C-alpha atoms as a PDB file:
ATOM      1  CA  MET A   1      97.956 274.360   5.478  1.00  0.00           C
ATOM      2  CA  THR A   2      97.826 270.643   6.161  1.00  0.00           C
ATOM      3  CA  HIS A   3     100.899 268.507   6.618  1.00  0.00           C
ATOM      4  CA  LEU A   4     100.953 264.806   5.824  1.00  0.00           C
ATOM      5  CA  LEU A   5     103.601 263.083   7.863  1.00  0.00           C
ATOM      6  CA  ALA A   6     105.108 259.649   7.438  1.00  0.00           C
ATOM      7  CA  SER A   7     106.753 257.741  10.233  1.00  0.00           C
ATOM      8  CA  PRO A   8     108.822 258.638  12.195  1.00  0.00           C
ATOM      9  CA  ALA A   9     107.662 262.280  12.016  1.00  0.00           C
ATOM     10  CA  PRO A  10     104.458 261.757  14.058  1.00  0.00           C
ATOM     11  CA  GLU A  11     106.439 259.879  16.682  1.00  0.00           C
ATOM     12  CA  LEU A  12     109.032 262.652  16.841  1.00  0.00           C
ATOM     13  CA  LEU A  13     106.335 265.296  17.194  1.00  0.00           C
ATOM     14  CA  GLU A  14     104.616 263.315  19.928  1.00  0.00           C
ATOM     15  CA  LEU A  15     107.818 263.105  21.949  1.00  0.00           C
ATOM     16  CA  LEU A  16     108.779 266.722  21.322  1.00  0.00           C
ATOM     17  CA  GLY A  17     105.265 267.841  22.258  1.00  0.00           C
ATOM     18  CA  GLU A  18     105.838 266.577  25.774  1.00  0.00           C
ATOM     19  CA  ARG A  19     109.005 268.619  26.430  1.00  0.00           C
ATOM     20  CA  ALA A  20     112.095 269.966  24.730  1.00  0.00           C
ATOM     21  CA  LEU A  21     114.663 267.256  24.086  1.00  0.00           C
ATOM     22  CA  THR A  22     118.233 267.212  22.852  1.00  0.00           C
ATOM     23  CA  ARG A  23     118.979 265.007  19.855  1.00  0.00           C
ATOM     24  CA  HIS A  24     120.508 262.412  22.192  1.00  0.00           C
ATOM     25  CA  GLU A  25     117.468 262.507  24.512  1.00  0.00           C
ATOM     26  CA  LEU A  26     115.114 262.213  21.550  1.00  0.00           C
ATOM     27  CA  LEU A  27     116.931 259.162  20.208  1.00  0.00           C
ATOM     28  CA  ALA A  28     116.837 257.560  23.672  1.00  0.00           C
ATOM     29  CA  ALA A  29     113.112 258.334  24.007  1.00  0.00           C
ATOM     30  CA  LEU A  30     112.404 256.800  20.583  1.00  0.00           C
ATOM     31  CA  ASN A  31     114.285 253.675  21.589  1.00  0.00           C
ATOM     32  CA  ALA A  32     112.468 253.442  24.927  1.00  0.00           C
ATOM     33  CA  ARG A  33     108.932 254.147  23.738  1.00  0.00           C
ATOM     34  CA  TYR A  34     108.915 252.566  20.279  1.00  0.00           C
ATOM     35  CA  GLU A  35     111.758 250.052  20.563  1.00  0.00           C
ATOM     36  CA  VAL A  36     113.542 251.717  17.676  1.00  0.00           C
ATOM     37  CA  THR A  37     116.882 249.980  17.649  1.00  0.00           C
ATOM     38  CA  ASP A  38     118.083 250.835  14.154  1.00  0.00           C
ATOM     39  CA  ALA A  39     117.741 254.626  14.292  1.00  0.00           C
ATOM     40  CA  ALA A  40     120.907 256.320  13.164  1.00  0.00           C
ATOM     41  CA  ASP A  41     121.926 259.805  14.232  1.00  0.00           C
ATOM     42  CA  ASP A  42     122.181 261.044  10.642  1.00  0.00           C
ATOM     43  CA  LEU A  43     118.671 259.798   9.805  1.00  0.00           C
ATOM     44  CA  LEU A  44     117.251 261.424  12.924  1.00  0.00           C
ATOM     45  CA  ASP A  45     118.995 264.671  12.007  1.00  0.00           C
ATOM     46  CA  ALA A  46     117.492 264.523   8.512  1.00  0.00           C
ATOM     47  CA  ARG A  47     113.951 264.043   9.859  1.00  0.00           C
ATOM     48  CA  LEU A  48     114.426 266.861  12.378  1.00  0.00           C
ATOM     49  CA  ASP A  49     115.731 269.147   9.612  1.00  0.00           C
ATOM     50  CA  GLU A  50     112.583 268.398   7.589  1.00  0.00           C
ATOM     51  CA  LEU A  51     110.318 269.237  10.537  1.00  0.00           C
ATOM     52  CA  ILE A  52     112.245 272.450  11.158  1.00  0.00           C
ATOM     53  CA  ALA A  53     112.038 273.401   7.454  1.00  0.00           C
ATOM     54  CA  VAL A  54     108.221 273.194   7.444  1.00  0.00           C
ATOM     55  CA  GLY A  55     107.947 274.999  10.781  1.00  0.00           C
ATOM     56  CA  LEU A  56     106.607 272.130  12.874  1.00  0.00           C
ATOM     57  CA  VAL A  57     109.490 272.241  15.349  1.00  0.00           C
ATOM     58  CA  HIS A  58     112.092 274.818  16.316  1.00  0.00           C
ATOM     59  CA  ALA A  59     115.753 274.264  17.043  1.00  0.00           C
ATOM     60  CA  VAL A  60     116.950 275.812  20.270  1.00  0.00           C
END
């Protein structure tokens, strides 16, 4: 199966591919690497839920 991903999913996967991160660490890493200043916690949670639902990431 092929997954087509729109931003910020590829960026999230890139960061999570490096090491496991908490939601807070992931938001900080997004801000540091991509200068994402308008990312809201609820939007990040929604994108993570989508990635979990299709099996691309796992919650721990």
